[in-house]
Amino acid sequence: MRIVYLAPNIPVPGTHGGSTHVSNVYRALSKRHDVLLYCRAGSTQEGALARGFNLHPVLQKGFLPVAFARVVGAVRRFRPDVIYERYSAFGLGPLLARATGAPCVLMTLDRDASALSFRYSDRIVATSAEFIPEEYRDKLRIVHWGVDVDGLVGKSGEAVRARYAKHGERIVLYTGSFPDWHGVEVLVEVARSWAGPDVVFLLVGDGQDKRRVERLAEARGVSGRVVFAGRVPHGEIGAYIDAADVCVAPYAPSKHPIFRVYGMNRDPIKVLEYMALGKVAVTIDTPRMRELFQADEEVLLYRAEDPDALRQTLEKVLTDTELRARVGSAGASLVRSRYTWSHHAEELEAVFGEVVRR
């Protein structure tokens, strides 16, 4: 199958969640299909059409005719069987589908997708129906995100521990970007009231909210306990997870405009990565998390945006060796059997096959 994958505002490769997602989907699909990836200008992915804009969504929509003109020739020459549009392409998929005669499949994480995309795509893939407009739900196919298990395993955490836990402290790890809705500041409040074993809260990544969280750690007097490792290439993340004693994804849904209305309904890739390496993952208690995982068996959940609840959960897991072993093992088995990018690619293939046959 010949697939055009549209992700115009995403740098590939890159360090934030969107880059991780696109890179892994592209890699998984490319193992079995011919894929032309349209991504952000400046991307270094070999063979990619790196001509996309990094613009505010309002401007991105306004630049749609320009984006179409920049890529339509290359897409026509590629002769695709299907167009796969990431929602931030804002309608480019249906335009290219019209120009080539290929069907279009939309992937969306929320309602920010263009009305053109919702209306004229042949199918929609998402992890939840909650934010898909009612009139388009007949086109929806539910899929699940995954993790690159092979890219994570085999990375020793010894050097990470030697650098950040020199006196044998336990490591509580966060990885990812720093938008405010990732809720990283709650870890500062946990560190402030910590009464458990000697611990280092190791925060890996960068982003818009990182400096504010750093200032908060200084103001709370916990800079020695809350350590910011900065941006790390995704290929090295496995070593940080291997070094950790417990891993946290402290999302703050109240700070996300979509989640405030529809709930936290995305598959949490960082949680899946933690679990893939057999680490206990601690994250917020939501219907979506309980749908994906068995609470207290495969993952530990706490009340969102509640520092005391998170602190109590972390203190419990760090003092209970049997709990860490049991939950970590069950989580790893689940992820490796169900939530890999290979499995996700198979889900997409089924949807692509459906529209191509039609």
Protein backbone atom coordinates (compact mmCIF):
# COMPACT_ATOMS: atom_id res chain seq x y z
CA MET A 1 0.00 0.00 0.00
CA ARG A 2 1.18 3.54 -0.79
CA ILE A 3 0.41 5.93 2.08
CA VAL A 4 0.81 9.70 2.32
CA TYR A 5 1.14 10.72 5.98
CA LEU A 6 0.40 14.40 6.66
CA ALA A 7 1.92 15.92 9.82
CA PRO A 8 2.94 19.40 8.61
CA ASN A 9 3.71 21.05 11.96
CA ILE A 10 5.65 18.14 13.50
CA PRO A 11 9.47 17.99 13.46
CA VAL A 12 10.71 14.48 12.68
CA PRO A 13 12.66 13.32 14.52
CA GLY A 14 12.03 15.44 17.61
CA THR A 15 11.77 15.29 21.38
CA HIS A 16 8.16 16.21 22.19
CA GLY A 17 5.12 13.92 22.23
CA GLY A 18 3.90 14.75 18.75
CA SER A 19 7.31 13.96 17.25
CA THR A 20 7.50 10.68 19.15
CA HIS A 21 4.05 9.71 17.93
CA VAL A 22 4.62 10.59 14.28
CA SER A 23 8.12 9.08 14.17
CA ASN A 24 6.94 5.75 15.53
CA VAL A 25 3.82 5.52 13.39
CA TYR A 26 5.88 6.38 10.31
CA ARG A 27 8.49 3.76 11.20
CA ALA A 28 5.93 1.05 11.92
CA LEU A 29 3.98 1.66 8.70
CA SER A 30 7.17 1.92 6.62
CA LYS A 31 8.18 -1.62 7.56
CA ARG A 32 5.36 -2.96 5.39
CA HIS A 33 4.28 -0.12 3.10
CA ASP A 34 5.61 2.74 0.99
CA VAL A 35 5.04 5.89 3.06
CA LEU A 36 5.57 9.53 2.06
CA LEU A 37 5.77 11.67 5.20
CA TYR A 38 4.96 15.38 4.99
CA CYS A 39 6.37 17.06 8.11
CA ARG A 40 7.72 20.38 9.38
CA ALA A 41 10.35 22.26 7.39
CA GLY A 42 13.78 21.57 8.84
CA SER A 43 13.01 17.95 9.71
CA THR A 44 15.88 15.57 9.03
CA GLN A 45 13.94 12.34 8.51
CA GLU A 46 15.41 10.70 5.41
CA GLY A 47 13.00 10.67 2.49
CA ALA A 48 10.47 12.96 4.16
CA LEU A 49 8.78 15.88 2.42
CA ALA A 50 9.91 18.49 4.97
CA ARG A 51 7.94 21.53 3.80
CA GLY A 52 5.35 22.05 6.54
CA PHE A 53 4.75 25.19 8.60
CA ASN A 54 5.06 25.64 12.35
CA LEU A 55 2.20 28.09 12.80
CA HIS A 56 -0.62 28.85 15.22
CA PRO A 57 -3.70 26.79 14.23
CA VAL A 58 -5.58 29.89 13.01
CA LEU A 59 -2.69 30.77 10.69
CA GLN A 60 -2.23 27.14 9.70
CA LYS A 61 -5.80 27.05 8.42
CA GLY A 62 -5.25 30.28 6.51
CA PHE A 63 -2.14 28.85 4.86
CA LEU A 64 -4.01 25.79 3.58
CA PRO A 65 -3.89 26.86 -0.11
CA VAL A 66 -0.14 27.50 0.21
CA ALA A 67 0.43 24.12 1.87
CA PHE A 68 -1.56 22.42 -0.87
CA ALA A 69 0.47 24.12 -3.60
CA ARG A 70 3.76 23.11 -1.94
CA VAL A 71 2.99 19.39 -1.82
CA VAL A 72 0.38 18.48 -4.43
CA GLY A 73 2.91 17.81 -7.17
CA ALA A 74 5.00 15.43 -5.05
CA VAL A 75 1.89 13.68 -3.75
CA ARG A 76 0.51 13.16 -7.24
CA ARG A 77 3.82 11.70 -8.40
CA PHE A 78 3.80 9.35 -5.41
CA ARG A 79 0.39 7.99 -6.54
CA PRO A 80 -1.01 7.18 -3.08
CA ASP A 81 -3.59 4.54 -2.26
CA VAL A 82 -4.63 6.46 0.87
CA ILE A 83 -4.06 9.85 2.52
CA TYR A 84 -3.57 9.79 6.31
CA GLU A 85 -4.03 13.21 7.88
CA ARG A 86 -2.92 14.18 11.38
CA TYR A 87 -5.54 16.67 12.60
CA SER A 88 -3.08 19.59 12.57
CA ALA A 89 -3.04 19.48 8.76
CA PHE A 90 -6.44 21.22 9.01
CA GLY A 91 -8.11 19.95 5.84
CA LEU A 92 -5.10 19.30 3.63
CA GLY A 93 -5.98 15.60 3.54
CA PRO A 94 -9.37 15.98 1.82
CA LEU A 95 -7.89 18.47 -0.68
CA LEU A 96 -5.12 16.03 -1.64
CA ALA A 97 -7.65 13.20 -1.75
CA ARG A 98 -9.69 15.19 -4.24
CA ALA A 99 -6.56 15.93 -6.29
CA THR A 100 -5.38 12.29 -6.40
CA GLY A 101 -8.56 10.22 -6.19
CA ALA A 102 -7.28 8.48 -3.06
CA PRO A 103 -9.45 8.14 0.07
CA CYS A 104 -8.60 10.12 3.19
CA VAL A 105 -8.39 8.98 6.83
CA LEU A 106 -8.27 11.59 9.62
CA MET A 107 -6.50 11.04 12.94
CA THR A 108 -7.58 13.45 15.65
CA LEU A 109 -6.87 13.95 19.35
CA ASP A 110 -9.60 16.54 19.90
CA ARG A 111 -12.10 18.81 18.13
CA ASP A 112 -9.39 21.09 16.74
CA ALA A 113 -9.48 19.23 13.43
CA SER A 114 -10.81 21.25 10.51
CA ALA A 115 -14.50 21.04 9.61
CA LEU A 116 -13.23 20.05 6.16
CA SER A 117 -11.42 17.08 7.64
CA PHE A 118 -14.38 15.90 9.73
CA ARG A 119 -16.80 16.23 6.86
CA TYR A 120 -14.83 14.94 3.88
CA SER A 121 -12.57 12.27 5.36
CA ASP A 122 -13.71 8.74 4.57
CA ARG A 123 -12.82 7.49 8.06
CA ILE A 124 -11.75 9.00 11.37
CA VAL A 125 -9.43 7.27 13.84
CA ALA A 126 -9.18 8.36 17.48
CA THR A 127 -8.73 6.87 20.93
CA SER A 128 -12.16 8.09 22.08
CA ALA A 129 -15.55 9.00 20.60
CA GLU A 130 -16.22 11.66 23.22
CA PHE A 131 -14.83 14.59 21.25
CA ILE A 132 -15.97 13.49 17.78
CA PRO A 133 -19.05 15.43 16.62
CA GLU A 134 -22.14 13.23 16.65
CA GLU A 135 -22.79 13.54 12.92
CA TYR A 136 -19.40 11.99 12.09
CA ARG A 137 -19.24 9.13 14.56
CA ASP A 138 -20.40 6.60 11.96
CA LYS A 139 -16.99 7.12 10.32
CA LEU A 140 -15.05 6.62 13.58
CA ARG A 141 -12.78 3.66 14.24
CA ILE A 142 -11.24 3.41 17.73
CA VAL A 143 -7.49 2.74 17.87
CA HIS A 144 -4.83 2.71 20.60
CA TRP A 145 -1.42 4.30 20.69
CA GLY A 146 1.68 2.27 21.42
CA VAL A 147 5.32 2.32 22.43
CA ASP A 148 8.59 1.36 20.78
CA VAL A 149 9.53 -1.46 23.13
CA ASP A 150 12.63 -2.41 21.14
CA GLY A 151 13.86 1.18 21.29
CA LEU A 152 13.51 1.28 25.08
CA VAL A 153 14.89 -2.05 26.22
CA GLY A 154 18.57 -2.76 26.73
CA LYS A 155 19.47 0.75 27.94
CA SER A 156 21.27 0.55 31.28
CA GLY A 157 20.38 3.14 33.90
CA GLU A 158 23.65 2.81 35.82
CA ALA A 159 25.11 6.07 34.51
CA VAL A 160 21.87 7.92 35.25
CA ARG A 161 21.80 6.62 38.82
CA ALA A 162 25.47 7.46 39.31
CA ARG A 163 24.79 11.04 38.23
CA TYR A 164 21.48 11.79 39.95
CA ALA A 165 21.34 9.38 42.91
CA LYS A 166 24.92 9.45 44.17
CA HIS A 167 23.98 8.49 47.72
CA GLY A 168 21.59 5.67 46.84
CA GLU A 169 18.42 7.78 46.78
CA ARG A 170 15.28 6.40 45.16
CA ILE A 171 14.41 8.01 41.82
CA VAL A 172 10.89 9.22 41.07
CA LEU A 173 10.91 9.91 37.32
CA TYR A 174 8.91 12.16 35.04
CA THR A 175 9.62 12.31 31.29
CA GLY A 176 8.05 14.48 28.64
CA SER A 177 7.31 18.04 27.68
CA PHE A 178 6.23 20.74 30.09
CA PRO A 179 2.85 22.16 29.07
CA ASP A 180 0.94 23.22 32.16
CA TRP A 181 -1.66 20.45 31.72
CA HIS A 182 1.03 17.81 32.26
CA GLY A 183 0.82 18.87 35.90
CA VAL A 184 4.53 18.65 36.69
CA GLU A 185 4.29 21.30 39.41
CA VAL A 186 2.47 18.82 41.66
CA LEU A 187 5.78 16.98 42.08
CA VAL A 188 7.26 20.11 43.63
CA GLU A 189 4.48 20.14 46.21
CA VAL A 190 5.02 16.43 46.87
CA ALA A 191 8.74 17.05 47.39
CA ARG A 192 7.95 19.84 49.83
CA SER A 193 5.96 17.55 52.14
CA TRP A 194 7.94 14.35 51.53
CA ALA A 195 8.39 12.08 54.55
CA GLY A 196 9.33 8.81 52.88
CA PRO A 197 12.69 7.27 51.90
CA ASP A 198 15.48 9.49 50.56
CA VAL A 199 14.38 10.38 47.07
CA VAL A 200 15.22 12.44 44.00
CA PHE A 201 12.42 13.71 41.78
CA LEU A 202 14.07 13.55 38.35
CA LEU A 203 12.27 15.59 35.68
CA VAL A 204 13.38 14.89 32.12
CA GLY A 205 12.31 17.14 29.26
CA ASP A 206 11.68 20.74 28.32
CA GLY A 207 8.81 22.97 27.32
CA GLN A 208 6.76 26.08 27.91
CA ASP A 209 6.13 25.53 31.64
CA LYS A 210 9.55 24.25 32.68
CA ARG A 211 11.00 27.57 33.85
CA ARG A 212 7.95 28.29 36.00
CA VAL A 213 8.23 24.87 37.65
CA GLU A 214 11.95 25.48 38.26
CA ARG A 215 11.15 28.79 39.96
CA LEU A 216 8.48 27.07 42.05
CA ALA A 217 11.01 24.45 43.21
CA GLU A 218 13.38 27.25 44.23
CA ALA A 219 10.63 29.11 46.07
CA ARG A 220 9.56 25.96 47.93
CA GLY A 221 13.14 25.21 48.94
CA VAL A 222 13.29 21.79 47.25
CA SER A 223 15.79 22.47 44.45
CA GLY A 224 18.12 19.83 45.90
CA ARG A 225 15.40 17.19 45.74
CA VAL A 226 13.73 18.18 42.45
CA VAL A 227 16.28 17.85 39.65
CA PHE A 228 15.75 19.01 36.06
CA ALA A 229 17.70 16.90 33.58
CA GLY A 230 16.61 18.96 30.55
CA ARG A 231 15.91 17.72 27.07
CA VAL A 232 17.07 14.18 26.30
CA PRO A 233 16.99 12.44 22.88
CA HIS A 234 14.17 9.93 22.85
CA GLY A 235 16.62 7.15 22.05
CA GLU A 236 18.13 7.67 25.53
CA ILE A 237 14.86 7.70 27.49
CA GLY A 238 15.08 3.95 28.12
CA ALA A 239 18.14 4.48 30.33
CA TYR A 240 16.30 7.01 32.50
CA ILE A 241 13.32 4.70 32.89
CA ASP A 242 15.65 1.81 33.73
CA ALA A 243 17.24 3.94 36.46
CA ALA A 244 13.90 4.85 38.07
CA ASP A 245 12.26 3.22 41.06
CA VAL A 246 8.83 4.57 40.15
CA CYS A 247 7.57 6.71 37.26
CA VAL A 248 4.88 9.40 37.31
CA ALA A 249 2.53 11.00 34.79
CA PRO A 250 0.82 13.72 36.87
CA TYR A 251 -1.63 15.14 34.32
CA ALA A 252 -3.78 18.17 35.29
CA PRO A 253 -6.96 17.92 33.18
CA SER A 254 -8.41 21.16 34.59
CA LYS A 255 -5.67 23.09 32.77
CA HIS A 256 -6.51 21.68 29.33
CA PRO A 257 -9.46 23.30 27.51
CA ILE A 258 -10.55 20.04 25.86
CA PHE A 259 -10.07 17.83 28.92
CA ARG A 260 -12.04 20.24 31.10
CA VAL A 261 -15.07 19.54 28.89
CA TYR A 262 -14.60 15.97 27.65
CA GLY A 263 -12.23 14.46 30.18
CA MET A 264 -8.70 13.11 29.76
CA ASN A 265 -9.41 10.75 26.87
CA ARG A 266 -6.01 10.19 25.24
CA ASP A 267 -3.84 7.11 25.48
CA PRO A 268 -0.92 8.20 27.72
CA ILE A 269 2.22 7.28 25.80
CA LYS A 270 4.61 8.10 28.64
CA VAL A 271 2.65 5.77 30.96
CA LEU A 272 2.91 2.99 28.36
CA GLU A 273 6.67 3.57 28.07
CA TYR A 274 7.13 3.32 31.83
CA MET A 275 5.11 0.10 31.95
CA ALA A 276 6.93 -1.44 28.98
CA LEU A 277 10.15 -1.56 31.04
CA GLY A 278 8.45 -3.09 34.06
CA LYS A 279 8.35 0.07 36.14
CA VAL A 280 5.41 0.94 38.34
CA ALA A 281 3.55 3.78 36.61
CA VAL A 282 1.62 6.20 38.80
CA THR A 283 -0.92 8.43 37.06
CA ILE A 284 -4.27 10.13 37.57
CA ASP A 285 -7.52 8.28 38.21
CA THR A 286 -9.84 8.84 35.24
CA PRO A 287 -12.38 6.68 33.39
CA ARG A 288 -9.94 6.47 30.48
CA MET A 289 -7.13 5.09 32.64
CA ARG A 290 -9.46 2.51 34.14
CA GLU A 291 -10.58 1.53 30.65
CA LEU A 292 -6.99 0.93 29.53
CA PHE A 293 -5.53 -0.58 32.71
CA GLN A 294 -6.53 -2.57 35.76
CA ALA A 295 -6.04 -0.20 38.68
CA ASP A 296 -3.76 -1.54 41.45
CA GLU A 297 -2.85 -4.50 39.23
CA GLU A 298 -1.17 -2.97 36.16
CA VAL A 299 -0.92 0.69 37.20
CA LEU A 300 -1.41 2.81 40.33
CA LEU A 301 -3.93 5.67 40.19
CA TYR A 302 -4.42 8.70 42.42
CA ARG A 303 -6.85 11.62 42.55
CA ALA A 304 -5.78 14.17 39.90
CA GLU A 305 -4.11 17.39 41.03
CA ASP A 306 -3.97 16.24 44.67
CA PRO A 307 -0.39 16.43 46.03
CA ASP A 308 -1.25 14.55 49.22
CA ALA A 309 -2.83 11.67 47.31
CA LEU A 310 0.20 11.43 45.01
CA ARG A 311 2.64 11.61 47.93
CA GLN A 312 0.85 8.82 49.77
CA THR A 313 0.85 6.64 46.64
CA LEU A 314 4.56 7.21 46.03
CA GLU A 315 5.50 6.56 49.65
CA LYS A 316 3.52 3.32 49.52
CA VAL A 317 5.13 2.00 46.36
CA LEU A 318 8.66 2.94 47.44
CA THR A 319 8.34 1.02 50.69
CA ASP A 320 6.64 -2.08 49.23
CA THR A 321 9.01 -4.24 47.20
CA GLU A 322 6.37 -6.87 46.44
CA LEU A 323 3.97 -4.24 45.10
CA ARG A 324 6.61 -2.83 42.76
CA ALA A 325 7.47 -6.27 41.42
CA ARG A 326 3.86 -7.36 40.95
CA VAL A 327 2.51 -4.20 39.32
CA GLY A 328 5.62 -3.67 37.22
CA SER A 329 5.50 -7.20 35.81
CA ALA A 330 1.78 -7.07 35.03
CA GLY A 331 2.12 -3.69 33.35
CA ALA A 332 4.98 -4.86 31.15
CA SER A 333 3.03 -7.93 30.03
CA LEU A 334 0.01 -5.82 29.11
CA VAL A 335 1.93 -3.24 27.09
CA ARG A 336 4.04 -5.72 25.19
CA SER A 337 0.99 -7.76 24.19
CA ARG A 338 -1.38 -4.90 23.30
CA TYR A 339 0.12 -1.42 23.18
CA THR A 340 3.00 -1.41 20.70
CA TRP A 341 3.42 0.68 17.55
CA SER A 342 3.36 -2.52 15.54
CA HIS A 343 -0.07 -3.30 16.94
CA HIS A 344 -1.20 0.27 16.22
CA ALA A 345 0.04 -0.03 12.62
CA GLU A 346 -2.09 -3.15 12.21
CA GLU A 347 -5.13 -1.20 13.43
CA LEU A 348 -4.41 1.52 10.87
CA GLU A 349 -3.88 -1.02 8.11
CA ALA A 350 -7.34 -2.42 8.74
CA VAL A 351 -8.88 1.06 8.41
CA PHE A 352 -6.83 1.89 5.31
CA GLY A 353 -7.81 -1.42 3.73
CA GLU A 354 -11.46 -0.67 4.42
CA VAL A 355 -11.45 2.68 2.62
CA VAL A 356 -9.27 1.45 -0.26
CA ARG A 357 -11.64 -1.46 -0.93
CA ARG A 358 -14.54 0.97 -1.00
